[in-house]
Amino acid sequence: MKKKKLIITWVFVALIILTVIGIILLAVENSRYDPGPGASGVDYLPKLLGWFYILIYGTLAILYDLDLFYTVYYFLIKPKTKVKSVLNILCNLSLFLCLLLMFVEASLVFLAIYIELRFAYFLVSVFTRALSPKQQ
Protein backbone atom coordinates (compact mmCIF):
# COMPACT_ATOMS: atom_id res chain seq x y z
CA MET A 1 0.00 0.00 0.00
CA LYS A 2 2.83 2.39 0.83
CA LYS A 3 4.48 1.71 -2.52
CA LYS A 4 1.19 2.42 -4.30
CA LYS A 5 0.92 5.80 -2.53
CA LEU A 6 4.48 6.66 -3.45
CA ILE A 7 4.02 5.77 -7.13
CA ILE A 8 0.79 7.77 -7.42
CA THR A 9 2.35 10.75 -5.69
CA TRP A 10 5.49 10.77 -7.87
CA VAL A 11 3.54 10.33 -11.10
CA PHE A 12 1.40 13.35 -10.31
CA VAL A 13 4.35 15.39 -9.08
CA ALA A 14 5.98 14.73 -12.46
CA LEU A 15 2.74 15.69 -14.24
CA ILE A 16 2.50 18.95 -12.30
CA ILE A 17 6.17 19.76 -12.98
CA LEU A 18 5.66 19.08 -16.70
CA THR A 19 2.61 21.33 -16.70
CA VAL A 20 4.55 24.14 -15.03
CA ILE A 21 7.43 23.73 -17.49
CA GLY A 22 4.98 23.83 -20.39
CA ILE A 23 3.39 27.01 -19.06
CA ILE A 24 6.81 28.63 -18.63
CA LEU A 25 7.79 27.65 -22.18
CA LEU A 26 4.56 29.15 -23.52
CA ALA A 27 5.21 32.36 -21.59
CA VAL A 28 8.77 32.58 -22.94
CA GLU A 29 7.55 32.00 -26.48
CA ASN A 30 4.92 34.69 -26.02
CA SER A 31 7.48 37.16 -24.66
CA ARG A 32 9.52 36.82 -27.86
CA TYR A 33 6.78 38.59 -29.79
CA ASP A 34 8.22 41.76 -31.29
CA PRO A 35 5.95 43.95 -33.39
CA GLY A 36 8.93 45.69 -34.95
CA PRO A 37 10.30 49.24 -34.98
CA GLY A 38 7.87 52.12 -34.80
CA ALA A 39 5.18 50.04 -33.13
CA SER A 40 2.47 51.72 -31.13
CA GLY A 41 0.96 50.54 -27.88
CA VAL A 42 -1.81 48.74 -29.73
CA ASP A 43 0.76 46.48 -31.38
CA TYR A 44 1.66 45.07 -27.98
CA LEU A 45 -1.92 44.02 -27.27
CA PRO A 46 -1.43 40.44 -28.61
CA LYS A 47 1.52 40.03 -26.25
CA LEU A 48 -0.49 41.19 -23.24
CA LEU A 49 -3.48 39.06 -24.17
CA GLY A 50 -1.17 36.09 -24.62
CA TRP A 51 0.23 36.60 -21.14
CA PHE A 52 -3.28 36.88 -19.74
CA TYR A 53 -4.46 33.67 -21.43
CA ILE A 54 -1.33 31.77 -20.39
CA LEU A 55 -1.76 32.91 -16.79
CA ILE A 56 -5.44 31.97 -16.58
CA TYR A 57 -5.22 28.72 -18.51
CA GLY A 58 -2.01 27.68 -16.75
CA THR A 59 -3.53 28.27 -13.34
CA LEU A 60 -6.59 26.22 -14.25
CA ALA A 61 -4.38 23.45 -15.70
CA ILE A 62 -2.35 23.20 -12.50
CA LEU A 63 -5.56 23.25 -10.44
CA TYR A 64 -6.92 20.43 -12.61
CA ASP A 65 -3.72 18.41 -12.14
CA LEU A 66 -4.02 18.80 -8.38
CA ASP A 67 -7.70 17.88 -8.43
CA LEU A 68 -7.02 14.87 -10.63
CA PHE A 69 -4.31 13.77 -8.18
CA TYR A 70 -6.74 14.01 -5.29
CA THR A 71 -9.45 12.14 -7.18
CA VAL A 72 -7.11 9.30 -8.17
CA TYR A 73 -5.68 9.17 -4.66
CA TYR A 74 -9.19 9.02 -3.23
CA PHE A 75 -10.33 6.19 -5.49
CA LEU A 76 -7.18 4.10 -5.09
CA ILE A 77 -6.19 4.67 -1.46
CA LYS A 78 -8.79 6.32 0.79
CA PRO A 79 -11.93 4.71 2.18
CA LYS A 80 -14.88 5.50 -0.04
CA THR A 81 -18.50 6.46 0.44
CA LYS A 82 -21.10 6.93 -2.26
CA VAL A 83 -21.58 10.64 -1.59
CA LYS A 84 -17.86 11.41 -1.59
CA SER A 85 -17.33 9.35 -4.75
CA VAL A 86 -20.08 11.18 -6.63
CA LEU A 87 -18.84 14.56 -5.43
CA ASN A 88 -15.26 13.73 -6.48
CA ILE A 89 -16.36 12.69 -9.97
CA LEU A 90 -18.57 15.77 -10.38
CA CYS A 91 -15.78 18.07 -9.18
CA ASN A 92 -13.33 16.59 -11.63
CA LEU A 93 -15.85 16.75 -14.48
CA SER A 94 -16.80 20.37 -13.80
CA LEU A 95 -13.17 21.50 -13.69
CA PHE A 96 -12.43 19.57 -16.89
CA LEU A 97 -15.36 21.29 -18.62
CA CYS A 98 -14.09 24.64 -17.33
CA LEU A 99 -10.71 23.94 -18.98
CA LEU A 100 -12.32 22.62 -22.15
CA LEU A 101 -14.58 25.65 -22.54
CA MET A 102 -11.91 28.16 -21.50
CA PHE A 103 -12.77 30.72 -24.15
CA VAL A 104 -16.53 30.46 -23.69
CA GLU A 105 -18.45 32.31 -21.01
CA ALA A 106 -19.82 29.01 -19.67
CA SER A 107 -16.40 28.18 -18.24
CA LEU A 108 -17.04 30.56 -15.34
CA VAL A 109 -20.24 28.70 -14.56
CA PHE A 110 -18.35 25.39 -14.41
CA LEU A 111 -15.67 26.99 -12.24
CA ALA A 112 -18.36 28.20 -9.82
CA ILE A 113 -19.91 24.72 -9.82
CA TYR A 114 -16.49 23.22 -9.08
CA ILE A 115 -15.97 25.53 -6.11
CA GLU A 116 -19.41 24.72 -4.70
CA LEU A 117 -18.90 20.97 -5.15
CA ARG A 118 -15.48 21.05 -3.44
CA PHE A 119 -17.02 22.99 -0.56
CA ALA A 120 -19.81 20.39 -0.33
CA TYR A 121 -17.18 17.62 -0.37
CA PHE A 122 -15.33 19.35 2.46
CA LEU A 123 -18.53 19.61 4.52
CA VAL A 124 -19.41 15.97 3.90
CA SER A 125 -15.90 14.94 4.96
CA VAL A 126 -16.07 16.99 8.15
CA PHE A 127 -19.52 15.74 9.14
CA THR A 128 -18.80 12.09 8.37
CA ARG A 129 -15.58 12.29 10.37
CA ALA A 130 -17.40 13.96 13.28
CA LEU A 131 -20.20 11.38 13.25
CA SER A 132 -17.90 8.40 12.84
CA PRO A 133 -18.12 5.97 15.77
CA LYS A 134 -14.52 4.84 15.20
CA GLN A 135 -13.02 8.07 16.51
CA GLN A 136 -11.67 8.03 20.01
C-alpha atoms as a PDB file:
ATOM      1  CA  MET A   1       0.000   0.000   0.000  1.00  0.00           C
ATOM      2  CA  LYS A   2       2.827   2.385   0.832  1.00  0.00           C
ATOM      3  CA  LYS A   3       4.482   1.705  -2.518  1.00  0.00           C
ATOM      4  CA  LYS A   4       1.195   2.420  -4.302  1.00  0.00           C
ATOM      5  CA  LYS A   5       0.919   5.795  -2.535  1.00  0.00           C
ATOM      6  CA  LEU A   6       4.483   6.657  -3.455  1.00  0.00           C
ATOM      7  CA  ILE A   7       4.022   5.767  -7.127  1.00  0.00           C
ATOM      8  CA  ILE A   8       0.794   7.766  -7.419  1.00  0.00           C
ATOM      9  CA  THR A   9       2.353  10.753  -5.695  1.00  0.00           C
ATOM     10  CA  TRP A  10       5.486  10.774  -7.872  1.00  0.00           C
ATOM     11  CA  VAL A  11       3.537  10.329 -11.105  1.00  0.00           C
ATOM     12  CA  PHE A  12       1.398  13.350 -10.308  1.00  0.00           C
ATOM     13  CA  VAL A  13       4.353  15.394  -9.080  1.00  0.00           C
ATOM     14  CA  ALA A  14       5.976  14.725 -12.462  1.00  0.00           C
ATOM     15  CA  LEU A  15       2.737  15.689 -14.238  1.00  0.00           C
ATOM     16  CA  ILE A  16       2.502  18.953 -12.304  1.00  0.00           C
ATOM     17  CA  ILE A  17       6.165  19.759 -12.976  1.00  0.00           C
ATOM     18  CA  LEU A  18       5.663  19.080 -16.699  1.00  0.00           C
ATOM     19  CA  THR A  19       2.608  21.330 -16.697  1.00  0.00           C
ATOM     20  CA  VAL A  20       4.547  24.144 -15.026  1.00  0.00           C
ATOM     21  CA  ILE A  21       7.435  23.728 -17.485  1.00  0.00           C
ATOM     22  CA  GLY A  22       4.976  23.825 -20.391  1.00  0.00           C
ATOM     23  CA  ILE A  23       3.393  27.010 -19.056  1.00  0.00           C
ATOM     24  CA  ILE A  24       6.806  28.628 -18.630  1.00  0.00           C
ATOM     25  CA  LEU A  25       7.791  27.654 -22.180  1.00  0.00           C
ATOM     26  CA  LEU A  26       4.560  29.145 -23.523  1.00  0.00           C
ATOM     27  CA  ALA A  27       5.206  32.355 -21.587  1.00  0.00           C
ATOM     28  CA  VAL A  28       8.771  32.584 -22.937  1.00  0.00           C
ATOM     29  CA  GLU A  29       7.548  32.003 -26.483  1.00  0.00           C
ATOM     30  CA  ASN A  30       4.921  34.692 -26.016  1.00  0.00           C
ATOM     31  CA  SER A  31       7.480  37.160 -24.661  1.00  0.00           C
ATOM     32  CA  ARG A  32       9.521  36.816 -27.858  1.00  0.00           C
ATOM     33  CA  TYR A  33       6.775  38.587 -29.790  1.00  0.00           C
ATOM     34  CA  ASP A  34       8.219  41.763 -31.285  1.00  0.00           C
ATOM     35  CA  PRO A  35       5.953  43.947 -33.393  1.00  0.00           C
ATOM     36  CA  GLY A  36       8.926  45.686 -34.946  1.00  0.00           C
ATOM     37  CA  PRO A  37      10.300  49.237 -34.983  1.00  0.00           C
ATOM     38  CA  GLY A  38       7.866  52.119 -34.802  1.00  0.00           C
ATOM     39  CA  ALA A  39       5.180  50.036 -33.127  1.00  0.00           C
ATOM     40  CA  SER A  40       2.467  51.719 -31.128  1.00  0.00           C
ATOM     41  CA  GLY A  41       0.957  50.538 -27.882  1.00  0.00           C
ATOM     42  CA  VAL A  42      -1.812  48.739 -29.735  1.00  0.00           C
ATOM     43  CA  ASP A  43       0.761  46.479 -31.378  1.00  0.00           C
ATOM     44  CA  TYR A  44       1.661  45.067 -27.977  1.00  0.00           C
ATOM     45  CA  LEU A  45      -1.920  44.023 -27.266  1.00  0.00           C
ATOM     46  CA  PRO A  46      -1.435  40.443 -28.607  1.00  0.00           C
ATOM     47  CA  LYS A  47       1.522  40.028 -26.248  1.00  0.00           C
ATOM     48  CA  LEU A  48      -0.494  41.188 -23.240  1.00  0.00           C
ATOM     49  CA  LEU A  49      -3.482  39.057 -24.173  1.00  0.00           C
ATOM     50  CA  GLY A  50      -1.171  36.091 -24.623  1.00  0.00           C
ATOM     51  CA  TRP A  51       0.234  36.596 -21.135  1.00  0.00           C
ATOM     52  CA  PHE A  52      -3.277  36.880 -19.743  1.00  0.00           C
ATOM     53  CA  TYR A  53      -4.464  33.670 -21.428  1.00  0.00           C
ATOM     54  CA  ILE A  54      -1.330  31.775 -20.393  1.00  0.00           C
ATOM     55  CA  LEU A  55      -1.760  32.911 -16.788  1.00  0.00           C
ATOM     56  CA  ILE A  56      -5.441  31.972 -16.579  1.00  0.00           C
ATOM     57  CA  TYR A  57      -5.218  28.717 -18.513  1.00  0.00           C
ATOM     58  CA  GLY A  58      -2.008  27.680 -16.748  1.00  0.00           C
ATOM     59  CA  THR A  59      -3.528  28.272 -13.336  1.00  0.00           C
ATOM     60  CA  LEU A  60      -6.586  26.217 -14.247  1.00  0.00           C
ATOM     61  CA  ALA A  61      -4.382  23.453 -15.703  1.00  0.00           C
ATOM     62  CA  ILE A  62      -2.355  23.199 -12.504  1.00  0.00           C
ATOM     63  CA  LEU A  63      -5.557  23.250 -10.444  1.00  0.00           C
ATOM     64  CA  TYR A  64      -6.923  20.433 -12.613  1.00  0.00           C
ATOM     65  CA  ASP A  65      -3.724  18.415 -12.137  1.00  0.00           C
ATOM     66  CA  LEU A  66      -4.025  18.804  -8.375  1.00  0.00           C
ATOM     67  CA  ASP A  67      -7.701  17.880  -8.427  1.00  0.00           C
ATOM     68  CA  LEU A  68      -7.021  14.868 -10.628  1.00  0.00           C
ATOM     69  CA  PHE A  69      -4.312  13.766  -8.180  1.00  0.00           C
ATOM     70  CA  TYR A  70      -6.735  14.013  -5.287  1.00  0.00           C
ATOM     71  CA  THR A  71      -9.448  12.138  -7.178  1.00  0.00           C
ATOM     72  CA  VAL A  72      -7.110   9.301  -8.168  1.00  0.00           C
ATOM     73  CA  TYR A  73      -5.681   9.171  -4.658  1.00  0.00           C
ATOM     74  CA  TYR A  74      -9.193   9.019  -3.225  1.00  0.00           C
ATOM     75  CA  PHE A  75     -10.327   6.193  -5.487  1.00  0.00           C
ATOM     76  CA  LEU A  76      -7.182   4.097  -5.090  1.00  0.00           C
ATOM     77  CA  ILE A  77      -6.188   4.672  -1.459  1.00  0.00           C
ATOM     78  CA  LYS A  78      -8.785   6.319   0.790  1.00  0.00           C
ATOM     79  CA  PRO A  79     -11.930   4.711   2.179  1.00  0.00           C
ATOM     80  CA  LYS A  80     -14.876   5.497  -0.045  1.00  0.00           C
ATOM     81  CA  THR A  81     -18.497   6.464   0.441  1.00  0.00           C
ATOM     82  CA  LYS A  82     -21.102   6.930  -2.256  1.00  0.00           C
ATOM     83  CA  VAL A  83     -21.581  10.637  -1.593  1.00  0.00           C
ATOM     84  CA  LYS A  84     -17.863  11.414  -1.587  1.00  0.00           C
ATOM     85  CA  SER A  85     -17.325   9.355  -4.745  1.00  0.00           C
ATOM     86  CA  VAL A  86     -20.083  11.177  -6.630  1.00  0.00           C
ATOM     87  CA  LEU A  87     -18.836  14.563  -5.433  1.00  0.00           C
ATOM     88  CA  ASN A  88     -15.265  13.726  -6.483  1.00  0.00           C
ATOM     89  CA  ILE A  89     -16.364  12.687  -9.969  1.00  0.00           C
ATOM     90  CA  LEU A  90     -18.569  15.767 -10.384  1.00  0.00           C
ATOM     91  CA  CYS A  91     -15.780  18.067  -9.175  1.00  0.00           C
ATOM     92  CA  ASN A  92     -13.326  16.592 -11.632  1.00  0.00           C
ATOM     93  CA  LEU A  93     -15.849  16.749 -14.478  1.00  0.00           C
ATOM     94  CA  SER A  94     -16.797  20.369 -13.799  1.00  0.00           C
ATOM     95  CA  LEU A  95     -13.167  21.500 -13.690  1.00  0.00           C
ATOM     96  CA  PHE A  96     -12.434  19.571 -16.888  1.00  0.00           C
ATOM     97  CA  LEU A  97     -15.359  21.292 -18.621  1.00  0.00           C
ATOM     98  CA  CYS A  98     -14.089  24.639 -17.332  1.00  0.00           C
ATOM     99  CA  LEU A  99     -10.711  23.942 -18.984  1.00  0.00           C
ATOM    100  CA  LEU A 100     -12.318  22.620 -22.145  1.00  0.00           C
ATOM    101  CA  LEU A 101     -14.583  25.651 -22.536  1.00  0.00           C
ATOM    102  CA  MET A 102     -11.913  28.157 -21.500  1.00  0.00           C
ATOM    103  CA  PHE A 103     -12.766  30.716 -24.155  1.00  0.00           C
ATOM    104  CA  VAL A 104     -16.527  30.461 -23.687  1.00  0.00           C
ATOM    105  CA  GLU A 105     -18.448  32.309 -21.007  1.00  0.00           C
ATOM    106  CA  ALA A 106     -19.817  29.012 -19.670  1.00  0.00           C
ATOM    107  CA  SER A 107     -16.396  28.181 -18.242  1.00  0.00           C
ATOM    108  CA  LEU A 108     -17.038  30.558 -15.340  1.00  0.00           C
ATOM    109  CA  VAL A 109     -20.237  28.701 -14.557  1.00  0.00           C
ATOM    110  CA  PHE A 110     -18.355  25.394 -14.412  1.00  0.00           C
ATOM    111  CA  LEU A 111     -15.672  26.986 -12.240  1.00  0.00           C
ATOM    112  CA  ALA A 112     -18.356  28.201  -9.818  1.00  0.00           C
ATOM    113  CA  ILE A 113     -19.912  24.721  -9.819  1.00  0.00           C
ATOM    114  CA  TYR A 114     -16.488  23.225  -9.084  1.00  0.00           C
ATOM    115  CA  ILE A 115     -15.971  25.529  -6.107  1.00  0.00           C
ATOM    116  CA  GLU A 116     -19.415  24.725  -4.703  1.00  0.00           C
ATOM    117  CA  LEU A 117     -18.897  20.973  -5.152  1.00  0.00           C
ATOM    118  CA  ARG A 118     -15.482  21.053  -3.443  1.00  0.00           C
ATOM    119  CA  PHE A 119     -17.020  22.988  -0.563  1.00  0.00           C
ATOM    120  CA  ALA A 120     -19.805  20.385  -0.332  1.00  0.00           C
ATOM    121  CA  TYR A 121     -17.181  17.618  -0.368  1.00  0.00           C
ATOM    122  CA  PHE A 122     -15.329  19.346   2.459  1.00  0.00           C
ATOM    123  CA  LEU A 123     -18.526  19.612   4.519  1.00  0.00           C
ATOM    124  CA  VAL A 124     -19.414  15.970   3.903  1.00  0.00           C
ATOM    125  CA  SER A 125     -15.902  14.944   4.964  1.00  0.00           C
ATOM    126  CA  VAL A 126     -16.069  16.988   8.151  1.00  0.00           C
ATOM    127  CA  PHE A 127     -19.520  15.741   9.135  1.00  0.00           C
ATOM    128  CA  THR A 128     -18.798  12.091   8.370  1.00  0.00           C
ATOM    129  CA  ARG A 129     -15.584  12.291  10.374  1.00  0.00           C
ATOM    130  CA  ALA A 130     -17.398  13.958  13.282  1.00  0.00           C
ATOM    131  CA  LEU A 131     -20.199  11.380  13.255  1.00  0.00           C
ATOM    132  CA  SER A 132     -17.904   8.395  12.841  1.00  0.00           C
ATOM    133  CA  PRO A 133     -18.121   5.967  15.766  1.00  0.00           C
ATOM    134  CA  LYS A 134     -14.523   4.840  15.202  1.00  0.00           C
ATOM    135  CA  GLN A 135     -13.021   8.075  16.509  1.00  0.00           C
ATOM    136  CA  GLN A 136     -11.675   8.034  20.007  1.00  0.00           C
END
